[in-house]
Amino acid sequence: MKTILFRFIITGFIFAVLSSCSSEDNSNEAQAKLPVITVYEYSPLELETMALINNYRVSIGLNALEKINHVSYKSEEHDEYMIENNVVNHDYFVARSENIIKALGALRVSENIAYNYNSAKGAFDAWMNSPSHRENIEGNFSHFGLAIRENPTNGRKYYTNIFVKM
C-alpha cells in the first residue's frame, strides 16, 4: 500500500513539475514581445505601389492588405542596408521576419524586393512577371508594409515589400 501511495505521489509530483515548466515557458514567450514602431511617413510612390497591390488583390477576389507601420519600418531598414552595401538581396530576412513575428504576433512573413524601377507600376509589373513574387502578392496574407528608398549616389530606387499573416 505504501509503495502504491509513494508511486502515486511521485507521479503526481513529476506531472506537476512538467506541466508548470511548459506553462511558464509559454507565458514567457507571450511576454517577450519586442517594441513596435507606430509612426511611418509614407511617400506618394509607396502609397501608389501599395494601392496597385491591393487593387490587383481585390480584382481577383482576395482581401485588401492593411498596412502596418512597423512592417514598413523593417522594409525601410532593409532598403537602407541594400543601399549602404550596394547589393540587391534578401540578406537578414530571417531576422526581419522573426522581429515581425515577435513584435506583432504574426503567423507568417514573406518578402518581395525590387531595384531600379522609377515607377510604382514598373516595380509592380516586374513582381507580377516573376512567379515567386506574384505568389507573395496573391498569397494568404492580411497585412503588409512597404518602403522605397533612393540611393543618393546614383538615384536608383530600392523597394522592399513585406507581407504578413496575422
N, C-alpha and C. Protein backbone atom coordinates (compact mmCIF):
# COMPACT_ATOMS: atom_id res chain seq x y z
N MET A 1 0.82 -1.19 0.00
CA MET A 1 0.00 0.00 0.00
C MET A 1 0.87 1.25 0.00
N LYS A 2 1.94 1.23 0.86
CA LYS A 2 2.82 2.39 0.92
C LYS A 2 3.54 2.58 -0.41
N THR A 3 3.89 1.49 -1.09
CA THR A 3 4.58 1.57 -2.38
C THR A 3 3.67 2.20 -3.43
N ILE A 4 2.41 1.80 -3.45
CA ILE A 4 1.45 2.36 -4.41
C ILE A 4 1.24 3.85 -4.13
N LEU A 5 1.08 4.22 -2.88
CA LEU A 5 0.91 5.61 -2.50
C LEU A 5 2.15 6.43 -2.86
N PHE A 6 3.32 5.86 -2.61
CA PHE A 6 4.57 6.55 -2.93
C PHE A 6 4.68 6.78 -4.45
N ARG A 7 4.37 5.76 -5.27
CA ARG A 7 4.41 5.91 -6.73
C ARG A 7 3.40 6.95 -7.19
N PHE A 8 2.22 6.96 -6.61
CA PHE A 8 1.19 7.93 -6.95
C PHE A 8 1.66 9.36 -6.66
N ILE A 9 2.28 9.56 -5.51
CA ILE A 9 2.77 10.89 -5.13
C ILE A 9 3.90 11.31 -6.06
N ILE A 10 4.84 10.43 -6.36
CA ILE A 10 5.96 10.74 -7.24
C ILE A 10 5.45 11.06 -8.65
N THR A 11 4.53 10.26 -9.16
CA THR A 11 3.96 10.50 -10.49
C THR A 11 3.26 11.86 -10.53
N GLY A 12 2.49 12.17 -9.52
CA GLY A 12 1.81 13.46 -9.44
C GLY A 12 2.80 14.61 -9.39
N PHE A 13 3.86 14.44 -8.62
CA PHE A 13 4.89 15.49 -8.50
C PHE A 13 5.56 15.74 -9.85
N ILE A 14 5.93 14.65 -10.53
CA ILE A 14 6.58 14.79 -11.85
C ILE A 14 5.63 15.47 -12.83
N PHE A 15 4.38 15.08 -12.85
CA PHE A 15 3.39 15.69 -13.74
C PHE A 15 3.25 17.18 -13.45
N ALA A 16 3.19 17.54 -12.17
CA ALA A 16 3.05 18.95 -11.79
C ALA A 16 4.26 19.77 -12.22
N VAL A 17 5.45 19.22 -12.06
CA VAL A 17 6.67 19.93 -12.44
C VAL A 17 6.71 20.12 -13.96
N LEU A 18 6.43 19.07 -14.71
CA LEU A 18 6.46 19.17 -16.17
C LEU A 18 5.40 20.13 -16.68
N SER A 19 4.23 20.09 -16.11
CA SER A 19 3.15 20.97 -16.54
C SER A 19 3.47 22.42 -16.24
N SER A 20 4.00 22.69 -15.08
CA SER A 20 4.29 24.08 -14.73
C SER A 20 5.44 24.63 -15.55
N CYS A 21 6.41 23.81 -15.93
CA CYS A 21 7.53 24.30 -16.74
C CYS A 21 7.05 24.69 -18.13
N SER A 22 6.23 23.85 -18.76
CA SER A 22 5.77 24.20 -20.09
C SER A 22 4.83 25.40 -20.05
N SER A 23 4.02 25.50 -19.07
CA SER A 23 3.12 26.64 -18.93
C SER A 23 3.91 27.92 -18.71
N GLU A 24 4.92 27.84 -17.88
CA GLU A 24 5.74 29.01 -17.59
C GLU A 24 6.49 29.46 -18.86
N ASP A 25 7.01 28.49 -19.64
CA ASP A 25 7.71 28.83 -20.86
C ASP A 25 6.79 29.56 -21.83
N ASN A 26 5.56 29.09 -21.98
CA ASN A 26 4.61 29.73 -22.89
C ASN A 26 4.31 31.15 -22.46
N SER A 27 4.15 31.39 -21.17
CA SER A 27 3.83 32.74 -20.72
C SER A 27 5.03 33.66 -20.92
N ASN A 28 6.25 33.14 -20.78
CA ASN A 28 7.44 33.96 -21.05
C ASN A 28 7.52 34.34 -22.51
N GLU A 29 7.18 33.42 -23.42
CA GLU A 29 7.19 33.73 -24.84
C GLU A 29 6.17 34.82 -25.15
N ALA A 30 5.00 34.73 -24.58
CA ALA A 30 3.96 35.73 -24.83
C ALA A 30 4.38 37.09 -24.32
N GLN A 31 5.14 37.13 -23.22
CA GLN A 31 5.56 38.40 -22.65
C GLN A 31 6.79 38.96 -23.34
N ALA A 32 7.46 38.17 -24.17
CA ALA A 32 8.72 38.59 -24.78
C ALA A 32 8.50 39.37 -26.07
N LYS A 33 7.47 40.17 -26.14
CA LYS A 33 7.21 40.97 -27.33
C LYS A 33 8.24 42.08 -27.45
N LEU A 34 8.57 42.41 -28.68
CA LEU A 34 9.53 43.47 -28.96
C LEU A 34 8.80 44.79 -29.14
N PRO A 35 9.52 45.90 -29.04
CA PRO A 35 8.89 47.21 -29.28
C PRO A 35 8.35 47.29 -30.71
N VAL A 36 7.26 48.01 -30.88
CA VAL A 36 6.62 48.16 -32.18
C VAL A 36 6.74 49.62 -32.62
N ILE A 37 7.21 49.82 -33.85
CA ILE A 37 7.29 51.16 -34.44
C ILE A 37 5.88 51.53 -34.91
N THR A 38 5.36 52.64 -34.42
CA THR A 38 3.99 53.01 -34.75
C THR A 38 3.89 54.17 -35.74
N VAL A 39 4.99 54.88 -35.96
CA VAL A 39 4.96 56.05 -36.85
C VAL A 39 5.82 55.77 -38.07
N TYR A 40 5.25 55.96 -39.24
CA TYR A 40 5.97 55.82 -40.50
C TYR A 40 5.33 56.77 -41.50
N GLU A 41 6.13 57.60 -42.14
CA GLU A 41 5.63 58.55 -43.14
C GLU A 41 5.75 57.93 -44.52
N TYR A 42 4.61 57.68 -45.16
CA TYR A 42 4.59 57.06 -46.49
C TYR A 42 4.75 58.12 -47.57
N SER A 43 5.59 57.82 -48.55
CA SER A 43 5.74 58.70 -49.71
C SER A 43 4.60 58.42 -50.69
N PRO A 44 4.32 59.34 -51.59
CA PRO A 44 3.30 59.08 -52.61
C PRO A 44 3.61 57.82 -53.43
N LEU A 45 4.89 57.58 -53.73
CA LEU A 45 5.28 56.39 -54.50
C LEU A 45 4.99 55.11 -53.72
N GLU A 46 5.24 55.12 -52.42
CA GLU A 46 4.94 53.95 -51.59
C GLU A 46 3.43 53.69 -51.56
N LEU A 47 2.65 54.74 -51.37
CA LEU A 47 1.19 54.59 -51.33
C LEU A 47 0.65 54.11 -52.67
N GLU A 48 1.22 54.60 -53.76
CA GLU A 48 0.79 54.16 -55.09
C GLU A 48 1.10 52.68 -55.30
N THR A 49 2.28 52.25 -54.87
CA THR A 49 2.67 50.84 -55.01
C THR A 49 1.75 49.95 -54.18
N MET A 50 1.44 50.38 -52.96
CA MET A 50 0.53 49.61 -52.11
C MET A 50 -0.87 49.54 -52.74
N ALA A 51 -1.31 50.63 -53.34
CA ALA A 51 -2.63 50.65 -53.98
C ALA A 51 -2.66 49.69 -55.17
N LEU A 52 -1.59 49.64 -55.95
CA LEU A 52 -1.54 48.71 -57.08
C LEU A 52 -1.67 47.27 -56.59
N ILE A 53 -0.97 46.95 -55.52
CA ILE A 53 -1.04 45.59 -54.97
C ILE A 53 -2.45 45.29 -54.48
N ASN A 54 -3.02 46.20 -53.71
CA ASN A 54 -4.37 45.96 -53.18
C ASN A 54 -5.43 45.95 -54.27
N ASN A 55 -5.33 46.83 -55.25
CA ASN A 55 -6.31 46.83 -56.35
C ASN A 55 -6.26 45.51 -57.11
N TYR A 56 -5.07 45.00 -57.33
CA TYR A 56 -4.93 43.72 -58.01
C TYR A 56 -5.54 42.60 -57.16
N ARG A 57 -5.20 42.56 -55.88
CA ARG A 57 -5.73 41.51 -55.00
C ARG A 57 -7.25 41.52 -55.00
N VAL A 58 -7.84 42.68 -54.87
CA VAL A 58 -9.30 42.79 -54.84
C VAL A 58 -9.88 42.34 -56.19
N SER A 59 -9.20 42.67 -57.29
CA SER A 59 -9.71 42.31 -58.62
C SER A 59 -9.76 40.81 -58.85
N ILE A 60 -8.97 40.05 -58.10
CA ILE A 60 -9.01 38.58 -58.25
C ILE A 60 -9.72 37.91 -57.07
N GLY A 61 -10.44 38.71 -56.29
CA GLY A 61 -11.26 38.16 -55.21
C GLY A 61 -10.56 37.97 -53.88
N LEU A 62 -9.39 38.55 -53.71
CA LEU A 62 -8.67 38.44 -52.44
C LEU A 62 -8.91 39.68 -51.58
N ASN A 63 -8.61 39.56 -50.31
CA ASN A 63 -8.74 40.70 -49.40
C ASN A 63 -7.67 41.74 -49.68
N ALA A 64 -8.01 43.00 -49.48
CA ALA A 64 -7.00 44.06 -49.50
C ALA A 64 -6.16 43.90 -48.23
N LEU A 65 -4.90 44.23 -48.33
CA LEU A 65 -3.98 44.12 -47.19
C LEU A 65 -3.97 45.43 -46.42
N GLU A 66 -3.92 45.33 -45.11
CA GLU A 66 -3.82 46.51 -44.26
C GLU A 66 -2.35 46.82 -44.03
N LYS A 67 -1.99 48.09 -44.12
CA LYS A 67 -0.58 48.44 -43.90
C LYS A 67 -0.30 48.53 -42.41
N ILE A 68 0.91 48.13 -42.07
CA ILE A 68 1.40 48.19 -40.69
C ILE A 68 2.69 49.00 -40.71
N ASN A 69 2.72 50.07 -39.94
CA ASN A 69 3.89 50.96 -39.93
C ASN A 69 5.16 50.23 -39.52
N HIS A 70 5.07 49.34 -38.55
CA HIS A 70 6.26 48.60 -38.10
C HIS A 70 6.85 47.78 -39.25
N VAL A 71 6.01 47.19 -40.05
CA VAL A 71 6.48 46.37 -41.17
C VAL A 71 7.13 47.26 -42.23
N SER A 72 6.56 48.42 -42.45
CA SER A 72 7.18 49.36 -43.40
C SER A 72 8.53 49.84 -42.87
N TYR A 73 8.63 50.04 -41.58
CA TYR A 73 9.91 50.44 -40.97
C TYR A 73 10.96 49.35 -41.18
N LYS A 74 10.58 48.08 -40.99
CA LYS A 74 11.52 46.97 -41.22
C LYS A 74 11.90 46.91 -42.70
N SER A 75 10.96 47.23 -43.58
CA SER A 75 11.25 47.29 -45.02
C SER A 75 12.25 48.40 -45.31
N GLU A 76 12.05 49.54 -44.68
CA GLU A 76 12.96 50.68 -44.86
C GLU A 76 14.37 50.32 -44.38
N GLU A 77 14.47 49.65 -43.25
CA GLU A 77 15.79 49.22 -42.76
C GLU A 77 16.51 48.37 -43.81
N HIS A 78 15.76 47.48 -44.48
CA HIS A 78 16.39 46.63 -45.48
C HIS A 78 16.81 47.44 -46.70
N ASP A 79 15.98 48.38 -47.12
CA ASP A 79 16.38 49.26 -48.24
C ASP A 79 17.69 49.97 -47.90
N GLU A 80 17.77 50.51 -46.70
CA GLU A 80 18.98 51.23 -46.28
C GLU A 80 20.19 50.29 -46.27
N TYR A 81 19.99 49.07 -45.82
CA TYR A 81 21.08 48.07 -45.83
C TYR A 81 21.55 47.82 -47.26
N MET A 82 20.60 47.63 -48.18
CA MET A 82 20.98 47.35 -49.57
C MET A 82 21.72 48.54 -50.18
N ILE A 83 21.27 49.76 -49.89
CA ILE A 83 21.95 50.95 -50.41
C ILE A 83 23.36 51.06 -49.83
N GLU A 84 23.48 50.92 -48.53
CA GLU A 84 24.80 51.04 -47.87
C GLU A 84 25.79 50.00 -48.38
N ASN A 85 25.29 48.81 -48.71
CA ASN A 85 26.17 47.71 -49.13
C ASN A 85 26.20 47.49 -50.63
N ASN A 86 25.48 48.33 -51.36
CA ASN A 86 25.42 48.25 -52.82
C ASN A 86 25.07 46.83 -53.29
N VAL A 87 24.00 46.28 -52.70
CA VAL A 87 23.53 44.93 -53.03
C VAL A 87 22.01 44.95 -53.22
N VAL A 88 21.51 43.94 -53.88
CA VAL A 88 20.07 43.72 -54.00
C VAL A 88 19.85 42.27 -53.60
N ASN A 89 19.31 42.04 -52.40
CA ASN A 89 19.18 40.68 -51.90
C ASN A 89 18.19 40.62 -50.74
N HIS A 90 18.02 39.43 -50.22
CA HIS A 90 17.13 39.19 -49.07
C HIS A 90 17.95 38.92 -47.80
N ASP A 91 19.17 39.43 -47.74
CA ASP A 91 20.00 39.22 -46.54
C ASP A 91 19.22 39.58 -45.28
N TYR A 92 19.39 38.78 -44.26
CA TYR A 92 18.80 39.00 -42.93
C TYR A 92 17.27 38.96 -42.93
N PHE A 93 16.69 38.29 -43.94
CA PHE A 93 15.23 38.16 -43.95
C PHE A 93 14.74 37.41 -42.71
N VAL A 94 15.48 36.39 -42.30
CA VAL A 94 15.05 35.62 -41.12
C VAL A 94 14.98 36.54 -39.90
N ALA A 95 15.95 37.41 -39.73
CA ALA A 95 15.93 38.34 -38.59
C ALA A 95 14.75 39.31 -38.71
N ARG A 96 14.47 39.81 -39.92
CA ARG A 96 13.32 40.71 -40.11
C ARG A 96 12.02 39.99 -39.78
N SER A 97 11.88 38.79 -40.31
CA SER A 97 10.63 38.06 -40.08
C SER A 97 10.47 37.68 -38.61
N GLU A 98 11.55 37.28 -37.95
CA GLU A 98 11.47 36.96 -36.52
C GLU A 98 11.08 38.18 -35.70
N ASN A 99 11.61 39.34 -36.08
CA ASN A 99 11.24 40.58 -35.38
C ASN A 99 9.74 40.84 -35.54
N ILE A 100 9.22 40.69 -36.74
CA ILE A 100 7.80 40.94 -37.00
C ILE A 100 6.94 39.93 -36.27
N ILE A 101 7.36 38.69 -36.25
CA ILE A 101 6.62 37.64 -35.54
C ILE A 101 6.57 37.94 -34.04
N LYS A 102 7.72 38.31 -33.47
CA LYS A 102 7.77 38.57 -32.03
C LYS A 102 7.09 39.89 -31.66
N ALA A 103 7.29 40.91 -32.46
CA ALA A 103 6.74 42.23 -32.13
C ALA A 103 5.24 42.30 -32.34
N LEU A 104 4.75 41.65 -33.41
CA LEU A 104 3.34 41.79 -33.78
C LEU A 104 2.51 40.52 -33.56
N GLY A 105 3.17 39.42 -33.31
CA GLY A 105 2.45 38.16 -33.19
C GLY A 105 2.05 37.58 -34.53
N ALA A 106 2.80 37.90 -35.58
CA ALA A 106 2.49 37.41 -36.93
C ALA A 106 2.65 35.89 -37.00
N LEU A 107 1.88 35.29 -37.88
CA LEU A 107 1.95 33.85 -38.08
C LEU A 107 2.92 33.48 -39.20
N ARG A 108 3.00 34.37 -40.21
CA ARG A 108 3.82 34.08 -41.38
C ARG A 108 4.27 35.39 -42.01
N VAL A 109 5.45 35.38 -42.59
CA VAL A 109 6.03 36.58 -43.20
C VAL A 109 6.71 36.19 -44.51
N SER A 110 6.57 37.04 -45.52
CA SER A 110 7.25 36.83 -46.79
C SER A 110 7.69 38.19 -47.34
N GLU A 111 8.52 38.19 -48.36
CA GLU A 111 9.13 39.45 -48.80
C GLU A 111 9.37 39.48 -50.31
N ASN A 112 9.11 40.63 -50.90
CA ASN A 112 9.49 40.95 -52.28
C ASN A 112 10.44 42.13 -52.25
N ILE A 113 11.44 42.09 -53.12
CA ILE A 113 12.29 43.26 -53.29
C ILE A 113 12.35 43.58 -54.78
N ALA A 114 12.68 44.83 -55.08
CA ALA A 114 12.87 45.26 -56.47
C ALA A 114 13.93 46.35 -56.46
N TYR A 115 14.50 46.57 -57.65
CA TYR A 115 15.60 47.53 -57.74
C TYR A 115 15.55 48.25 -59.09
N ASN A 116 15.76 49.55 -59.02
CA ASN A 116 15.95 50.38 -60.20
C ASN A 116 14.70 50.55 -61.05
N TYR A 117 13.55 50.60 -60.44
CA TYR A 117 12.31 50.95 -61.15
C TYR A 117 11.94 52.36 -60.75
N ASN A 118 11.65 53.19 -61.74
CA ASN A 118 11.34 54.59 -61.46
C ASN A 118 9.88 54.82 -61.11
N SER A 119 9.04 53.82 -61.36
CA SER A 119 7.62 53.99 -61.09
C SER A 119 7.07 52.81 -60.30
N ALA A 120 5.99 53.08 -59.61
CA ALA A 120 5.29 52.01 -58.87
C ALA A 120 4.84 50.93 -59.85
N LYS A 121 4.32 51.33 -61.00
CA LYS A 121 3.82 50.38 -62.00
C LYS A 121 4.96 49.50 -62.52
N GLY A 122 6.15 50.07 -62.71
CA GLY A 122 7.29 49.29 -63.18
C GLY A 122 7.67 48.19 -62.19
N ALA A 123 7.75 48.54 -60.91
CA ALA A 123 8.09 47.54 -59.89
C ALA A 123 6.98 46.50 -59.77
N PHE A 124 5.74 46.96 -59.75
CA PHE A 124 4.59 46.05 -59.64
C PHE A 124 4.58 45.07 -60.82
N ASP A 125 4.75 45.58 -62.04
CA ASP A 125 4.74 44.70 -63.22
C ASP A 125 5.87 43.68 -63.16
N ALA A 126 7.04 44.09 -62.68
CA ALA A 126 8.16 43.14 -62.55
C ALA A 126 7.81 42.05 -61.56
N TRP A 127 7.21 42.41 -60.44
CA TRP A 127 6.80 41.41 -59.46
C TRP A 127 5.76 40.46 -60.05
N MET A 128 4.83 41.01 -60.81
CA MET A 128 3.78 40.17 -61.39
C MET A 128 4.33 39.22 -62.45
N ASN A 129 5.42 39.58 -63.10
CA ASN A 129 6.04 38.74 -64.12
C ASN A 129 6.99 37.69 -63.53
N SER A 130 7.18 37.72 -62.23
CA SER A 130 8.03 36.74 -61.54
C SER A 130 7.13 35.81 -60.73
N PRO A 131 7.15 34.51 -61.02
CA PRO A 131 6.25 33.59 -60.31
C PRO A 131 6.34 33.65 -58.79
N SER A 132 7.54 33.73 -58.23
CA SER A 132 7.66 33.73 -56.77
C SER A 132 7.18 35.05 -56.16
N HIS A 133 7.44 36.16 -56.84
CA HIS A 133 6.96 37.45 -56.33
C HIS A 133 5.45 37.56 -56.46
N ARG A 134 4.93 37.07 -57.58
CA ARG A 134 3.48 37.07 -57.80
C ARG A 134 2.79 36.21 -56.73
N GLU A 135 3.40 35.08 -56.39
CA GLU A 135 2.86 34.20 -55.35
C GLU A 135 2.70 34.94 -54.03
N ASN A 136 3.68 35.78 -53.69
CA ASN A 136 3.57 36.58 -52.47
C ASN A 136 2.43 37.59 -52.57
N ILE A 137 2.32 38.26 -53.70
CA ILE A 137 1.24 39.25 -53.88
C ILE A 137 -0.12 38.58 -53.78
N GLU A 138 -0.24 37.37 -54.31
CA GLU A 138 -1.51 36.65 -54.30
C GLU A 138 -1.66 35.74 -53.06
N GLY A 139 -0.71 35.78 -52.15
CA GLY A 139 -0.68 34.86 -51.03
C GLY A 139 -1.73 35.13 -49.96
N ASN A 140 -1.81 34.18 -49.04
CA ASN A 140 -2.76 34.25 -47.92
C ASN A 140 -2.17 35.14 -46.82
N PHE A 141 -2.25 36.44 -47.06
CA PHE A 141 -1.73 37.42 -46.12
C PHE A 141 -2.85 38.39 -45.72
N SER A 142 -2.66 39.06 -44.61
CA SER A 142 -3.67 40.01 -44.13
C SER A 142 -3.13 41.43 -44.04
N HIS A 143 -1.82 41.58 -43.96
CA HIS A 143 -1.20 42.89 -43.76
C HIS A 143 0.08 42.98 -44.59
N PHE A 144 0.57 44.19 -44.72
CA PHE A 144 1.84 44.38 -45.38
C PHE A 144 2.48 45.70 -45.00
N GLY A 145 3.73 45.82 -45.40
CA GLY A 145 4.47 47.07 -45.26
C GLY A 145 5.36 47.22 -46.46
N LEU A 146 5.70 48.46 -46.78
CA LEU A 146 6.49 48.70 -47.97
C LEU A 146 7.32 49.95 -47.76
N ALA A 147 8.55 49.91 -48.25
CA ALA A 147 9.41 51.09 -48.24
C ALA A 147 10.13 51.18 -49.57
N ILE A 148 10.31 52.39 -50.04
CA ILE A 148 11.07 52.65 -51.26
C ILE A 148 12.07 53.75 -50.91
N ARG A 149 13.33 53.45 -51.11
CA ARG A 149 14.38 54.42 -50.82
C ARG A 149 15.26 54.59 -52.04
N GLU A 150 15.75 55.80 -52.22
CA GLU A 150 16.60 56.12 -53.36
C GLU A 150 18.05 56.23 -52.91
N ASN A 151 18.92 55.60 -53.68
CA ASN A 151 20.35 55.72 -53.43
C ASN A 151 20.78 57.15 -53.81
N PRO A 152 21.29 57.92 -52.84
CA PRO A 152 21.65 59.32 -53.14
C PRO A 152 22.80 59.44 -54.13
N THR A 153 23.59 58.40 -54.29
CA THR A 153 24.74 58.44 -55.19
C THR A 153 24.33 58.29 -56.66
N ASN A 154 23.45 57.35 -56.93
CA ASN A 154 23.11 57.08 -58.34
C ASN A 154 21.63 57.28 -58.67
N GLY A 155 20.80 57.59 -57.67
CA GLY A 155 19.38 57.86 -57.91
C GLY A 155 18.52 56.63 -58.14
N ARG A 156 19.09 55.45 -58.00
CA ARG A 156 18.31 54.22 -58.22
C ARG A 156 17.47 53.89 -56.98
N LYS A 157 16.29 53.38 -57.22
CA LYS A 157 15.34 53.10 -56.14
C LYS A 157 15.41 51.63 -55.71
N TYR A 158 15.27 51.42 -54.41
CA TYR A 158 15.22 50.10 -53.79
C TYR A 158 13.85 49.93 -53.16
N TYR A 159 13.20 48.82 -53.47
CA TYR A 159 11.86 48.51 -52.96
C TYR A 159 11.94 47.28 -52.08
N THR A 160 11.37 47.36 -50.89
CA THR A 160 11.17 46.17 -50.05
C THR A 160 9.72 46.14 -49.62
N ASN A 161 9.06 45.04 -49.93
CA ASN A 161 7.65 44.84 -49.63
C ASN A 161 7.54 43.56 -48.79
N ILE A 162 7.07 43.71 -47.55
CA ILE A 162 6.95 42.57 -46.64
C ILE A 162 5.47 42.26 -46.41
N PHE A 163 5.11 41.00 -46.60
CA PHE A 163 3.74 40.52 -46.42
C PHE A 163 3.63 39.77 -45.11
N VAL A 164 2.51 39.94 -44.42
CA VAL A 164 2.33 39.35 -43.09
C VAL A 164 0.96 38.70 -42.99
N LYS A 165 0.93 37.54 -42.37
CA LYS A 165 -0.34 36.90 -42.00
C LYS A 165 -0.48 37.01 -40.50
N MET A 166 -1.54 37.68 -40.04
CA MET A 166 -1.79 37.84 -38.60
C MET A 166 -2.82 36.81 -38.17
